[in-house]
Structure formats: structure tokens, C-alpha cells
Amino acid sequence: MYRLPFDAPPSARGSSSAAAGVPTVYRGSFTLDRTGDTFLDMREWTRGVVFVNGSNLGRYWRVGPQQTLYLPGAWMRRGRNEIEVFDLNGGVASPVIAGLGTPILNQLMPNRSPGS
């Protein structure tokens, strides 16, 4: 077990593509004209933690039953917002996160193994 310092974003050199099975930090941003509560769709991700504007939003795991993370409107701001995803398995083919109006709850992913 290793402690990872998440009090500040990691400053590690890397590449623009992630290898499967390697813990990876993905960084991105999104721009808002107005703020409001939303749910982040994490169904295409494996297992990890999400940070929005420097705050730890929560953890996700693709086996469910929760497939979305609640993002309060108060955590976002008009204009540019930063998002960081630390995925323990890396290699996400399409690292995209969508905001949804309603949560996805109790949706199990029986065809997916816990670590993939």
C-alpha cells in the first residue's frame, strides 16, 4: 500500500495516452454559462476518484450499483472548471465524462470484471 499525495495535483511527466493496467491521472476542463446540480456518468471508467476544481468529489467503481457521481452546483463556477480523474486501471479508451440530469442507480455491470 502506498500513500499518494493528493493535497496538490501531481506533477508527473507522462504521455498523452494511457496504458491499460497502469494507474493514470486524466485532466480536463469544461466551461459553463450557468451552474446547477448534475450527475457525472462514470460508466465507461474502471475504478478511481474524481476531483472537481481541486475538491474530492468521490470514488467510483464500474461494477456498481452506483454509476454516477453527484456534483453539486455550488462546487462549480461560471466559466472554466477543472476536472481530474485518478483511474486505478488506466487505459480508458474514450476518457469522456457526461453530465446527466438524473442519477443512474442500481445498475449492475455483470459482464464486467471488478478490475477491468
PDB file of N, CA and C in Angstrom:
ATOM      1  N   MET A   1       0.842  -1.151   0.000  1.00  0.00           N
ATOM      2  CA  MET A   1       0.000   0.000   0.000  1.00  0.00           C
ATOM      3  C   MET A   1       0.901   1.231   0.000  1.00  0.00           C
ATOM      4  N   TYR A   2       0.576   2.207  -0.857  1.00  0.00           N
ATOM      5  CA  TYR A   2       1.358   3.421  -0.968  1.00  0.00           C
ATOM      6  C   TYR A   2       0.463   4.630  -0.775  1.00  0.00           C
ATOM      7  N   ARG A   3       0.970   5.606  -0.081  1.00  0.00           N
ATOM      8  CA  ARG A   3       0.239   6.847   0.117  1.00  0.00           C
ATOM      9  C   ARG A   3       0.515   7.759  -1.076  1.00  0.00           C
ATOM     10  N   LEU A   4      -0.543   8.297  -1.677  1.00  0.00           N
ATOM     11  CA  LEU A   4      -0.398   9.219  -2.788  1.00  0.00           C
ATOM     12  C   LEU A   4      -0.786  10.616  -2.318  1.00  0.00           C
ATOM     13  N   PRO A   5       0.067  11.601  -2.515  1.00  0.00           N
ATOM     14  CA  PRO A   5      -0.218  12.958  -2.044  1.00  0.00           C
ATOM     15  C   PRO A   5      -1.191  13.689  -2.967  1.00  0.00           C
ATOM     16  N   PHE A   6      -2.457  13.758  -2.591  1.00  0.00           N
ATOM     17  CA  PHE A   6      -3.445  14.447  -3.398  1.00  0.00           C
ATOM     18  C   PHE A   6      -3.830  15.804  -2.817  1.00  0.00           C
ATOM     19  N   ASP A   7      -2.960  16.365  -1.955  1.00  0.00           N
ATOM     20  CA  ASP A   7      -3.242  17.707  -1.454  1.00  0.00           C
ATOM     21  C   ASP A   7      -2.963  18.744  -2.542  1.00  0.00           C
ATOM     22  N   ALA A   8      -2.201  18.383  -3.557  1.00  0.00           N
ATOM     23  CA  ALA A   8      -1.949  19.216  -4.734  1.00  0.00           C
ATOM     24  C   ALA A   8      -1.898  18.282  -5.933  1.00  0.00           C
ATOM     25  N   PRO A   9      -2.275  18.768  -7.108  1.00  0.00           N
ATOM     26  CA  PRO A   9      -2.231  17.896  -8.288  1.00  0.00           C
ATOM     27  C   PRO A   9      -0.821  17.366  -8.515  1.00  0.00           C
ATOM     28  N   PRO A  10      -0.693  16.103  -8.881  1.00  0.00           N
ATOM     29  CA  PRO A  10       0.639  15.540  -9.101  1.00  0.00           C
ATOM     30  C   PRO A  10       1.331  16.195 -10.290  1.00  0.00           C
ATOM     31  N   SER A  11       2.607  16.402 -10.178  1.00  0.00           N
ATOM     32  CA  SER A  11       3.369  16.985 -11.275  1.00  0.00           C
ATOM     33  C   SER A  11       4.300  15.915 -11.839  1.00  0.00           C
ATOM     34  N   ALA A  12       3.725  14.989 -12.532  1.00  0.00           N
ATOM     35  CA  ALA A  12       4.498  13.894 -13.103  1.00  0.00           C
ATOM     36  C   ALA A  12       4.502  14.020 -14.618  1.00  0.00           C
ATOM     37  N   ARG A  13       5.595  13.626 -15.204  1.00  0.00           N
ATOM     38  CA  ARG A  13       5.656  13.599 -16.660  1.00  0.00           C
ATOM     39  C   ARG A  13       4.904  12.371 -17.139  1.00  0.00           C
ATOM     40  N   GLY A  14       4.299  12.499 -18.274  1.00  0.00           N
ATOM     41  CA  GLY A  14       3.563  11.364 -18.805  1.00  0.00           C
ATOM     42  C   GLY A  14       3.386  11.511 -20.293  1.00  0.00           C
ATOM     43  N   SER A  15       2.509  10.700 -20.823  1.00  0.00           N
ATOM     44  CA  SER A  15       2.227  10.762 -22.241  1.00  0.00           C
ATOM     45  C   SER A  15       0.765  11.106 -22.445  1.00  0.00           C
ATOM     46  N   SER A  16       0.395  11.336 -23.683  1.00  0.00           N
ATOM     47  CA  SER A  16      -0.992  11.677 -23.970  1.00  0.00           C
ATOM     48  C   SER A  16      -1.889  10.451 -24.036  1.00  0.00           C
ATOM     49  N   SER A  17      -1.312   9.259 -23.971  1.00  0.00           N
ATOM     50  CA  SER A  17      -2.122   8.043 -23.962  1.00  0.00           C
ATOM     51  C   SER A  17      -1.776   7.219 -22.727  1.00  0.00           C
ATOM     52  N   ALA A  18      -2.767   6.539 -22.218  1.00  0.00           N
ATOM     53  CA  ALA A  18      -2.587   5.734 -21.003  1.00  0.00           C
ATOM     54  C   ALA A  18      -2.593   4.259 -21.349  1.00  0.00           C
ATOM     55  N   ALA A  19      -1.751   3.511 -20.680  1.00  0.00           N
ATOM     56  CA  ALA A  19      -1.689   2.061 -20.884  1.00  0.00           C
ATOM     57  C   ALA A  19      -2.646   1.367 -19.928  1.00  0.00           C
ATOM     58  N   ALA A  20      -3.293   0.321 -20.403  1.00  0.00           N
ATOM     59  CA  ALA A  20      -4.206  -0.437 -19.556  1.00  0.00           C
ATOM     60  C   ALA A  20      -3.445  -1.079 -18.401  1.00  0.00           C
ATOM     61  N   GLY A  21      -4.062  -1.071 -17.235  1.00  0.00           N
ATOM     62  CA  GLY A  21      -3.463  -1.681 -16.060  1.00  0.00           C
ATOM     63  C   GLY A  21      -2.519  -0.778 -15.303  1.00  0.00           C
ATOM     64  N   VAL A  22      -2.332   0.447 -15.769  1.00  0.00           N
ATOM     65  CA  VAL A  22      -1.425   1.393 -15.119  1.00  0.00           C
ATOM     66  C   VAL A  22      -2.250   2.538 -14.536  1.00  0.00           C
ATOM     67  N   PRO A  23      -2.162   2.806 -13.224  1.00  0.00           N
ATOM     68  CA  PRO A  23      -2.893   3.935 -12.646  1.00  0.00           C
ATOM     69  C   PRO A  23      -2.569   5.223 -13.403  1.00  0.00           C
ATOM     70  N   THR A  24      -3.623   5.972 -13.736  1.00  0.00           N
ATOM     71  CA  THR A  24      -3.464   7.141 -14.594  1.00  0.00           C
ATOM     72  C   THR A  24      -4.286   8.308 -14.062  1.00  0.00           C
ATOM     73  N   VAL A  25      -3.712   9.515 -14.138  1.00  0.00           N
ATOM     74  CA  VAL A  25      -4.446  10.735 -13.821  1.00  0.00           C
ATOM     75  C   VAL A  25      -4.829  11.397 -15.139  1.00  0.00           C
ATOM     76  N   TYR A  26      -6.126  11.593 -15.340  1.00  0.00           N
ATOM     77  CA  TYR A  26      -6.646  12.287 -16.515  1.00  0.00           C
ATOM     78  C   TYR A  26      -7.043  13.691 -16.086  1.00  0.00           C
ATOM     79  N   ARG A  27      -6.680  14.682 -16.883  1.00  0.00           N
ATOM     80  CA  ARG A  27      -7.046  16.068 -16.572  1.00  0.00           C
ATOM     81  C   ARG A  27      -7.824  16.658 -17.738  1.00  0.00           C
ATOM     82  N   GLY A  28      -8.807  17.478 -17.397  1.00  0.00           N
ATOM     83  CA  GLY A  28      -9.582  18.140 -18.422  1.00  0.00           C
ATOM     84  C   GLY A  28     -10.273  19.351 -17.845  1.00  0.00           C
ATOM     85  N   SER A  29     -11.039  20.001 -18.668  1.00  0.00           N
ATOM     86  CA  SER A  29     -11.800  21.162 -18.211  1.00  0.00           C
ATOM     87  C   SER A  29     -13.105  21.237 -18.984  1.00  0.00           C
ATOM     88  N   PHE A  30     -14.024  21.988 -18.439  1.00  0.00           N
ATOM     89  CA  PHE A  30     -15.295  22.245 -19.107  1.00  0.00           C
ATOM     90  C   PHE A  30     -15.713  23.661 -18.764  1.00  0.00           C
ATOM     91  N   THR A  31     -16.482  24.270 -19.630  1.00  0.00           N
ATOM     92  CA  THR A  31     -16.903  25.658 -19.460  1.00  0.00           C
ATOM     93  C   THR A  31     -18.422  25.707 -19.308  1.00  0.00           C
ATOM     94  N   LEU A  32     -18.885  26.486 -18.332  1.00  0.00           N
ATOM     95  CA  LEU A  32     -20.313  26.604 -18.055  1.00  0.00           C
ATOM     96  C   LEU A  32     -20.791  28.044 -18.187  1.00  0.00           C
ATOM     97  N   ASP A  33     -21.973  28.208 -18.773  1.00  0.00           N
ATOM     98  CA  ASP A  33     -22.630  29.519 -18.802  1.00  0.00           C
ATOM     99  C   ASP A  33     -23.430  29.728 -17.520  1.00  0.00           C
ATOM    100  N   ARG A  34     -23.930  28.612 -16.958  1.00  0.00           N
ATOM    101  CA  ARG A  34     -24.671  28.658 -15.696  1.00  0.00           C
ATOM    102  C   ARG A  34     -24.372  27.386 -14.927  1.00  0.00           C
ATOM    103  N   THR A  35     -24.525  27.447 -13.622  1.00  0.00           N
ATOM    104  CA  THR A  35     -24.239  26.287 -12.788  1.00  0.00           C
ATOM    105  C   THR A  35     -25.533  25.638 -12.321  1.00  0.00           C
ATOM    106  N   GLY A  36     -25.440  24.419 -11.884  1.00  0.00           N
ATOM    107  CA  GLY A  36     -26.573  23.667 -11.367  1.00  0.00           C
ATOM    108  C   GLY A  36     -26.125  22.261 -11.022  1.00  0.00           C
ATOM    109  N   ASP A  37     -26.914  21.588 -10.223  1.00  0.00           N
ATOM    110  CA  ASP A  37     -26.583  20.220  -9.828  1.00  0.00           C
ATOM    111  C   ASP A  37     -26.566  19.305 -11.055  1.00  0.00           C
ATOM    112  N   THR A  38     -25.658  18.345 -11.061  1.00  0.00           N
ATOM    113  CA  THR A  38     -25.586  17.370 -12.135  1.00  0.00           C
ATOM    114  C   THR A  38     -25.037  16.053 -11.594  1.00  0.00           C
ATOM    115  N   PHE A  39     -25.070  15.031 -12.413  1.00  0.00           N
ATOM    116  CA  PHE A  39     -24.543  13.716 -12.067  1.00  0.00           C
ATOM    117  C   PHE A  39     -23.547  13.328 -13.145  1.00  0.00           C
ATOM    118  N   LEU A  40     -22.328  13.002 -12.753  1.00  0.00           N
ATOM    119  CA  LEU A  40     -21.300  12.618 -13.713  1.00  0.00           C
ATOM    120  C   LEU A  40     -21.445  11.141 -14.063  1.00  0.00           C
ATOM    121  N   ASP A  41     -21.532  10.846 -15.337  1.00  0.00           N
ATOM    122  CA  ASP A  41     -21.692   9.484 -15.837  1.00  0.00           C
ATOM    123  C   ASP A  41     -20.319   8.808 -15.888  1.00  0.00           C
ATOM    124  N   MET A  42     -20.089   7.832 -14.999  1.00  0.00           N
ATOM    125  CA  MET A  42     -18.792   7.160 -14.886  1.00  0.00           C
ATOM    126  C   MET A  42     -18.836   5.726 -15.423  1.00  0.00           C
ATOM    127  N   ARG A  43     -19.827   5.381 -16.225  1.00  0.00           N
ATOM    128  CA  ARG A  43     -19.993   4.002 -16.694  1.00  0.00           C
ATOM    129  C   ARG A  43     -18.833   3.495 -17.556  1.00  0.00           C
ATOM    130  N   GLU A  44     -18.154   4.352 -18.261  1.00  0.00           N
ATOM    131  CA  GLU A  44     -17.060   3.911 -19.133  1.00  0.00           C
ATOM    132  C   GLU A  44     -15.707   3.877 -18.427  1.00  0.00           C
ATOM    133  N   TRP A  45     -15.672   4.269 -17.162  1.00  0.00           N
ATOM    134  CA  TRP A  45     -14.437   4.295 -16.396  1.00  0.00           C
ATOM    135  C   TRP A  45     -14.338   3.034 -15.556  1.00  0.00           C
ATOM    136  N   THR A  46     -13.168   2.752 -15.004  1.00  0.00           N
ATOM    137  CA  THR A  46     -12.953   1.496 -14.283  1.00  0.00           C
ATOM    138  C   THR A  46     -13.185   1.655 -12.786  1.00  0.00           C
ATOM    139  N   ARG A  47     -12.222   2.265 -12.101  1.00  0.00           N
ATOM    140  CA  ARG A  47     -12.294   2.410 -10.648  1.00  0.00           C
ATOM    141  C   ARG A  47     -11.332   3.512 -10.255  1.00  0.00           C
ATOM    142  N   GLY A  48     -11.810   4.464  -9.466  1.00  0.00           N
ATOM    143  CA  GLY A  48     -10.919   5.546  -9.071  1.00  0.00           C
ATOM    144  C   GLY A  48     -11.616   6.650  -8.309  1.00  0.00           C
ATOM    145  N   VAL A  49     -11.048   7.861  -8.429  1.00  0.00           N
ATOM    146  CA  VAL A  49     -11.506   9.031  -7.676  1.00  0.00           C
ATOM    147  C   VAL A  49     -11.597  10.219  -8.626  1.00  0.00           C
ATOM    148  N   VAL A  50     -12.598  11.085  -8.396  1.00  0.00           N
ATOM    149  CA  VAL A  50     -12.801  12.270  -9.223  1.00  0.00           C
ATOM    150  C   VAL A  50     -12.624  13.528  -8.376  1.00  0.00           C
ATOM    151  N   PHE A  51     -11.894  14.504  -8.916  1.00  0.00           N
ATOM    152  CA  PHE A  51     -11.696  15.805  -8.288  1.00  0.00           C
ATOM    153  C   PHE A  51     -12.268  16.868  -9.223  1.00  0.00           C
ATOM    154  N   VAL A  52     -13.044  17.803  -8.679  1.00  0.00           N
ATOM    155  CA  VAL A  52     -13.567  18.916  -9.466  1.00  0.00           C
ATOM    156  C   VAL A  52     -13.143  20.209  -8.793  1.00  0.00           C
ATOM    157  N   ASN A  53     -12.469  21.057  -9.547  1.00  0.00           N
ATOM    158  CA  ASN A  53     -11.956  22.329  -9.042  1.00  0.00           C
ATOM    159  C   ASN A  53     -11.153  22.146  -7.743  1.00  0.00           C
ATOM    160  N   GLY A  54     -10.374  21.074  -7.707  1.00  0.00           N
ATOM    161  CA  GLY A  54      -9.494  20.820  -6.576  1.00  0.00           C
ATOM    162  C   GLY A  54     -10.125  20.120  -5.388  1.00  0.00           C
ATOM    163  N   SER A  55     -11.428  19.854  -5.439  1.00  0.00           N
ATOM    164  CA  SER A  55     -12.116  19.171  -4.335  1.00  0.00           C
ATOM    165  C   SER A  55     -12.410  17.723  -4.713  1.00  0.00           C
ATOM    166  N   ASN A  56     -12.243  16.826  -3.746  1.00  0.00           N
ATOM    167  CA  ASN A  56     -12.501  15.405  -3.958  1.00  0.00           C
ATOM    168  C   ASN A  56     -14.005  15.179  -4.016  1.00  0.00           C
ATOM    169  N   LEU A  57     -14.497  14.862  -5.202  1.00  0.00           N
ATOM    170  CA  LEU A  57     -15.926  14.634  -5.389  1.00  0.00           C
ATOM    171  C   LEU A  57     -16.344  13.270  -4.864  1.00  0.00           C
ATOM    172  N   GLY A  58     -15.532  12.255  -5.096  1.00  0.00           N
ATOM    173  CA  GLY A  58     -15.870  10.920  -4.619  1.00  0.00           C
ATOM    174  C   GLY A  58     -15.215   9.854  -5.458  1.00  0.00           C
ATOM    175  N   ARG A  59     -15.505   8.608  -5.106  1.00  0.00           N
ATOM    176  CA  ARG A  59     -14.922   7.483  -5.816  1.00  0.00           C
ATOM    177  C   ARG A  59     -15.988   6.751  -6.614  1.00  0.00           C
ATOM    178  N   TYR A  60     -15.541   6.002  -7.594  1.00  0.00           N
ATOM    179  CA  TYR A  60     -16.434   5.234  -8.458  1.00  0.00           C
ATOM    180  C   TYR A  60     -15.817   3.859  -8.706  1.00  0.00           C
ATOM    181  N   TRP A  61     -16.671   2.934  -9.097  1.00  0.00           N
ATOM    182  CA  TRP A  61     -16.222   1.590  -9.464  1.00  0.00           C
ATOM    183  C   TRP A  61     -17.258   1.041 -10.427  1.00  0.00           C
ATOM    184  N   ARG A  62     -16.819   0.584 -11.571  1.00  0.00           N
ATOM    185  CA  ARG A  62     -17.741   0.229 -12.640  1.00  0.00           C
ATOM    186  C   ARG A  62     -18.682  -0.933 -12.332  1.00  0.00           C
ATOM    187  N   VAL A  63     -18.426  -1.732 -11.326  1.00  0.00           N
ATOM    188  CA  VAL A  63     -19.318  -2.852 -11.043  1.00  0.00           C
ATOM    189  C   VAL A  63     -20.631  -2.394 -10.402  1.00  0.00           C
ATOM    190  N   GLY A  64     -20.713  -1.121  -9.996  1.00  0.00           N
ATOM    191  CA  GLY A  64     -21.953  -0.575  -9.486  1.00  0.00           C
ATOM    192  C   GLY A  64     -22.149  -0.833  -8.009  1.00  0.00           C
ATOM    193  N   PRO A  65     -23.338  -0.616  -7.520  1.00  0.00           N
ATOM    194  CA  PRO A  65     -24.557  -0.331  -8.261  1.00  0.00           C
ATOM    195  C   PRO A  65     -24.682   1.135  -8.697  1.00  0.00           C
ATOM    196  N   GLN A  66     -23.893   2.022  -8.135  1.00  0.00           N
ATOM    197  CA  GLN A  66     -23.949   3.434  -8.499  1.00  0.00           C
ATOM    198  C   GLN A  66     -23.050   3.663  -9.711  1.00  0.00           C
ATOM    199  N   GLN A  67     -23.589   4.253 -10.753  1.00  0.00           N
ATOM    200  CA  GLN A  67     -22.808   4.511 -11.965  1.00  0.00           C
ATOM    201  C   GLN A  67     -22.610   6.006 -12.222  1.00  0.00           C
ATOM    202  N   THR A  68     -23.111   6.837 -11.318  1.00  0.00           N
ATOM    203  CA  THR A  68     -22.966   8.284 -11.447  1.00  0.00           C
ATOM    204  C   THR A  68     -22.469   8.870 -10.130  1.00  0.00           C
ATOM    205  N   LEU A  69     -21.831  10.029 -10.210  1.00  0.00           N
ATOM    206  CA  LEU A  69     -21.406  10.769  -9.023  1.00  0.00           C
ATOM    207  C   LEU A  69     -22.158  12.091  -8.991  1.00  0.00           C
ATOM    208  N   TYR A  70     -22.724  12.420  -7.847  1.00  0.00           N
ATOM    209  CA  TYR A  70     -23.448  13.681  -7.683  1.00  0.00           C
ATOM    210  C   TYR A  70     -22.458  14.835  -7.597  1.00  0.00           C
ATOM    211  N   LEU A  71     -22.635  15.832  -8.456  1.00  0.00           N
ATOM    212  CA  LEU A  71     -21.802  17.029  -8.457  1.00  0.00           C
ATOM    213  C   LEU A  71     -22.687  18.232  -8.141  1.00  0.00           C
ATOM    214  N   PRO A  72     -22.601  18.755  -6.909  1.00  0.00           N
ATOM    215  CA  PRO A  72     -23.445  19.900  -6.532  1.00  0.00           C
ATOM    216  C   PRO A  72     -23.090  21.143  -7.356  1.00  0.00           C
ATOM    217  N   GLY A  73     -24.106  21.899  -7.708  1.00  0.00           N
ATOM    218  CA  GLY A  73     -23.896  23.130  -8.463  1.00  0.00           C
ATOM    219  C   GLY A  73     -22.996  24.111  -7.745  1.00  0.00           C
ATOM    220  N   ALA A  74     -23.003  24.087  -6.420  1.00  0.00           N
ATOM    221  CA  ALA A  74     -22.176  25.004  -5.630  1.00  0.00           C
ATOM    222  C   ALA A  74     -20.688  24.725  -5.802  1.00  0.00           C
ATOM    223  N   TRP A  75     -20.320  23.545  -6.260  1.00  0.00           N
ATOM    224  CA  TRP A  75     -18.907  23.201  -6.470  1.00  0.00           C
ATOM    225  C   TRP A  75     -18.379  23.692  -7.806  1.00  0.00           C
ATOM    226  N   MET A  76     -19.291  24.143  -8.670  1.00  0.00           N
ATOM    227  CA  MET A  76     -18.892  24.611  -9.988  1.00  0.00           C
ATOM    228  C   MET A  76     -18.994  26.125 -10.066  1.00  0.00           C
ATOM    229  N   ARG A  77     -18.380  26.684 -11.088  1.00  0.00           N
ATOM    230  CA  ARG A  77     -18.431  28.133 -11.278  1.00  0.00           C
ATOM    231  C   ARG A  77     -18.693  28.425 -12.750  1.00  0.00           C
ATOM    232  N   ARG A  78     -19.206  29.605 -13.002  1.00  0.00           N
ATOM    233  CA  ARG A  78     -19.375  30.029 -14.394  1.00  0.00           C
ATOM    234  C   ARG A  78     -18.002  30.170 -15.027  1.00  0.00           C
ATOM    235  N   GLY A  79     -17.915  29.792 -16.272  1.00  0.00           N
ATOM    236  CA  GLY A  79     -16.628  29.839 -16.945  1.00  0.00           C
ATOM    237  C   GLY A  79     -15.931  28.488 -16.862  1.00  0.00           C
ATOM    238  N   ARG A  80     -14.619  28.539 -16.774  1.00  0.00           N
ATOM    239  CA  ARG A  80     -13.792  27.323 -16.821  1.00  0.00           C
ATOM    240  C   ARG A  80     -13.785  26.582 -15.487  1.00  0.00           C
ATOM    241  N   ASN A  81     -13.978  25.259 -15.549  1.00  0.00           N
ATOM    242  CA  ASN A  81     -13.921  24.361 -14.404  1.00  0.00           C
ATOM    243  C   ASN A  81     -12.924  23.254 -14.727  1.00  0.00           C
ATOM    244  N   GLU A  82     -12.183  22.823 -13.716  1.00  0.00           N
ATOM    245  CA  GLU A  82     -11.169  21.782 -13.884  1.00  0.00           C
ATOM    246  C   GLU A  82     -11.687  20.456 -13.338  1.00  0.00           C
ATOM    247  N   ILE A  83     -11.342  19.371 -14.011  1.00  0.00           N
ATOM    248  CA  ILE A  83     -11.694  18.042 -13.526  1.00  0.00           C
ATOM    249  C   ILE A  83     -10.466  17.144 -13.657  1.00  0.00           C
ATOM    250  N   GLU A  84     -10.236  16.341 -12.631  1.00  0.00           N
ATOM    251  CA  GLU A  84      -9.156  15.364 -12.629  1.00  0.00           C
ATOM    252  C   GLU A  84      -9.740  14.023 -12.206  1.00  0.00           C
ATOM    253  N   VAL A  85      -9.348  12.989 -12.915  1.00  0.00           N
ATOM    254  CA  VAL A  85      -9.809  11.639 -12.617  1.00  0.00           C
ATOM    255  C   VAL A  85      -8.585  10.760 -12.420  1.00  0.00           C
ATOM    256  N   PHE A  86      -8.488  10.144 -11.261  1.00  0.00           N
ATOM    257  CA  PHE A  86      -7.430   9.185 -10.985  1.00  0.00           C
ATOM    258  C   PHE A  86      -8.041   7.806 -11.142  1.00  0.00           C
ATOM    259  N   ASP A  87      -7.749   7.145 -12.266  1.00  0.00           N
ATOM    260  CA  ASP A  87      -8.298   5.830 -12.541  1.00  0.00           C
ATOM    261  C   ASP A  87      -7.236   4.784 -12.226  1.00  0.00           C
ATOM    262  N   LEU A  88      -7.555   3.868 -11.339  1.00  0.00           N
ATOM    263  CA  LEU A  88      -6.586   2.875 -10.885  1.00  0.00           C
ATOM    264  C   LEU A  88      -6.141   1.904 -11.967  1.00  0.00           C
ATOM    265  N   ASN A  89      -6.987   1.668 -12.969  1.00  0.00           N
ATOM    266  CA  ASN A  89      -6.644   0.721 -14.014  1.00  0.00           C
ATOM    267  C   ASN A  89      -6.183   1.386 -15.302  1.00  0.00           C
ATOM    268  N   GLY A  90      -6.398   2.693 -15.446  1.00  0.00           N
ATOM    269  CA  GLY A  90      -5.950   3.409 -16.635  1.00  0.00           C
ATOM    270  C   GLY A  90      -6.446   2.788 -17.918  1.00  0.00           C
ATOM    271  N   GLY A  91      -5.878   3.238 -19.039  1.00  0.00           N
ATOM    272  CA  GLY A  91      -6.223   2.678 -20.337  1.00  0.00           C
ATOM    273  C   GLY A  91      -7.650   2.922 -20.766  1.00  0.00           C
ATOM    274  N   VAL A  92      -8.289   3.990 -20.290  1.00  0.00           N
ATOM    275  CA  VAL A  92      -9.660   4.298 -20.677  1.00  0.00           C
ATOM    276  C   VAL A  92      -9.654   4.679 -22.155  1.00  0.00           C
ATOM    277  N   ALA A  93     -10.385   3.919 -22.979  1.00  0.00           N
ATOM    278  CA  ALA A  93     -10.361   4.107 -24.428  1.00  0.00           C
ATOM    279  C   ALA A  93     -10.869   5.488 -24.837  1.00  0.00           C
ATOM    280  N   SER A  94     -11.945   5.921 -24.240  1.00  0.00           N
ATOM    281  CA  SER A  94     -12.525   7.222 -24.560  1.00  0.00           C
ATOM    282  C   SER A  94     -12.757   7.978 -23.257  1.00  0.00           C
ATOM    283  N   PRO A  95     -11.756   8.725 -22.793  1.00  0.00           N
ATOM    284  CA  PRO A  95     -11.887   9.398 -21.490  1.00  0.00           C
ATOM    285  C   PRO A  95     -12.821  10.609 -21.544  1.00  0.00           C
ATOM    286  N   VAL A  96     -14.117  10.329 -21.600  1.00  0.00           N
ATOM    287  CA  VAL A  96     -15.144  11.362 -21.673  1.00  0.00           C
ATOM    288  C   VAL A  96     -16.085  11.183 -20.488  1.00  0.00           C
ATOM    289  N   ILE A  97     -16.501  12.296 -19.906  1.00  0.00           N
ATOM    290  CA  ILE A  97     -17.477  12.267 -18.812  1.00  0.00           C
ATOM    291  C   ILE A  97     -18.616  13.193 -19.180  1.00  0.00           C
ATOM    292  N   ALA A  98     -19.831  12.690 -19.113  1.00  0.00           N
ATOM    293  CA  ALA A  98     -21.010  13.495 -19.419  1.00  0.00           C
ATOM    294  C   ALA A  98     -21.737  13.860 -18.132  1.00  0.00           C
ATOM    295  N   GLY A  99     -22.365  15.010 -18.120  1.00  0.00           N
ATOM    296  CA  GLY A  99     -23.224  15.422 -17.016  1.00  0.00           C
ATOM    297  C   GLY A  99     -24.659  15.016 -17.328  1.00  0.00           C
ATOM    298  N   LEU A 100     -25.318  14.370 -16.380  1.00  0.00           N
ATOM    299  CA  LEU A 100     -26.691  13.902 -16.562  1.00  0.00           C
ATOM    300  C   LEU A 100     -27.628  14.612 -15.598  1.00  0.00           C
ATOM    301  N   GLY A 101     -28.895  14.699 -15.965  1.00  0.00           N
ATOM    302  CA  GLY A 101     -29.889  15.339 -15.114  1.00  0.00           C
ATOM    303  C   GLY A 101     -30.388  14.454 -13.987  1.00  0.00           C
ATOM    304  N   THR A 102     -30.263  13.131 -14.155  1.00  0.00           N
ATOM    305  CA  THR A 102     -30.712  12.189 -13.134  1.00  0.00           C
ATOM    306  C   THR A 102     -29.626  11.136 -12.910  1.00  0.00           C
ATOM    307  N   PRO A 103     -29.572  10.559 -11.712  1.00  0.00           N
ATOM    308  CA  PRO A 103     -28.541   9.558 -11.424  1.00  0.00           C
ATOM    309  C   PRO A 103     -28.871   8.206 -12.048  1.00  0.00           C
ATOM    310  N   ILE A 104     -27.849   7.394 -12.219  1.00  0.00           N
ATOM    311  CA  ILE A 104     -28.021   6.001 -12.619  1.00  0.00           C
ATOM    312  C   ILE A 104     -27.708   5.184 -11.375  1.00  0.00           C
ATOM    313  N   LEU A 105     -28.737   4.601 -10.797  1.00  0.00           N
ATOM    314  CA  LEU A 105     -28.602   3.836  -9.560  1.00  0.00           C
ATOM    315  C   LEU A 105     -29.044   2.403  -9.789  1.00  0.00           C
ATOM    316  N   ASN A 106     -28.488   1.488  -9.038  1.00  0.00           N
ATOM    317  CA  ASN A 106     -28.866   0.073  -9.079  1.00  0.00           C
ATOM    318  C   ASN A 106     -28.678  -0.566 -10.447  1.00  0.00           C
ATOM    319  N   GLN A 107     -27.701  -0.087 -11.204  1.00  0.00           N
ATOM    320  CA  GLN A 107     -27.390  -0.700 -12.492  1.00  0.00           C
ATOM    321  C   GLN A 107     -26.094  -1.481 -12.345  1.00  0.00           C
ATOM    322  N   LEU A 108     -26.212  -2.774 -12.250  1.00  0.00           N
ATOM    323  CA  LEU A 108     -25.035  -3.617 -12.124  1.00  0.00           C
ATOM    324  C   LEU A 108     -24.459  -3.905 -13.501  1.00  0.00           C
ATOM    325  N   MET A 109     -23.163  -4.133 -13.555  1.00  0.00           N
ATOM    326  CA  MET A 109     -22.496  -4.454 -14.806  1.00  0.00           C
ATOM    327  C   MET A 109     -21.986  -5.893 -14.722  1.00  0.00           C
ATOM    328  N   PRO A 110     -22.873  -6.889 -14.885  1.00  0.00           N
ATOM    329  CA  PRO A 110     -22.490  -8.289 -14.665  1.00  0.00           C
ATOM    330  C   PRO A 110     -21.441  -8.804 -15.651  1.00  0.00           C
ATOM    331  N   ASN A 111     -21.326  -8.226 -16.825  1.00  0.00           N
ATOM    332  CA  ASN A 111     -20.380  -8.712 -17.829  1.00  0.00           C
ATOM    333  C   ASN A 111     -19.000  -8.100 -17.677  1.00  0.00           C
ATOM    334  N   ARG A 112     -18.805  -7.275 -16.685  1.00  0.00           N
ATOM    335  CA  ARG A 112     -17.518  -6.631 -16.470  1.00  0.00           C
ATOM    336  C   ARG A 112     -16.898  -7.135 -15.180  1.00  0.00           C
ATOM    337  N   SER A 113     -15.642  -7.459 -15.243  1.00  0.00           N
ATOM    338  CA  SER A 113     -14.963  -7.905 -14.029  1.00  0.00           C
ATOM    339  C   SER A 113     -14.593  -6.691 -13.193  1.00  0.00           C
ATOM    340  N   PRO A 114     -14.480  -6.816 -11.883  1.00  0.00           N
ATOM    341  CA  PRO A 114     -14.201  -5.688 -10.993  1.00  0.00           C
ATOM    342  C   PRO A 114     -12.949  -4.910 -11.329  1.00  0.00           C
ATOM    343  N   GLY A 115     -11.913  -5.543 -11.815  1.00  0.00           N
ATOM    344  CA  GLY A 115     -10.663  -4.844 -12.079  1.00  0.00           C
ATOM    345  C   GLY A 115     -10.460  -4.414 -13.500  1.00  0.00           C
ATOM    346  N   SER A 116     -11.463  -4.607 -14.361  1.00  0.00           N
ATOM    347  CA  SER A 116     -11.272  -4.227 -15.757  1.00  0.00           C
ATOM    348  C   SER A 116     -12.301  -3.220 -16.207  1.00  0.00           C
TER     349      SER A 116
END
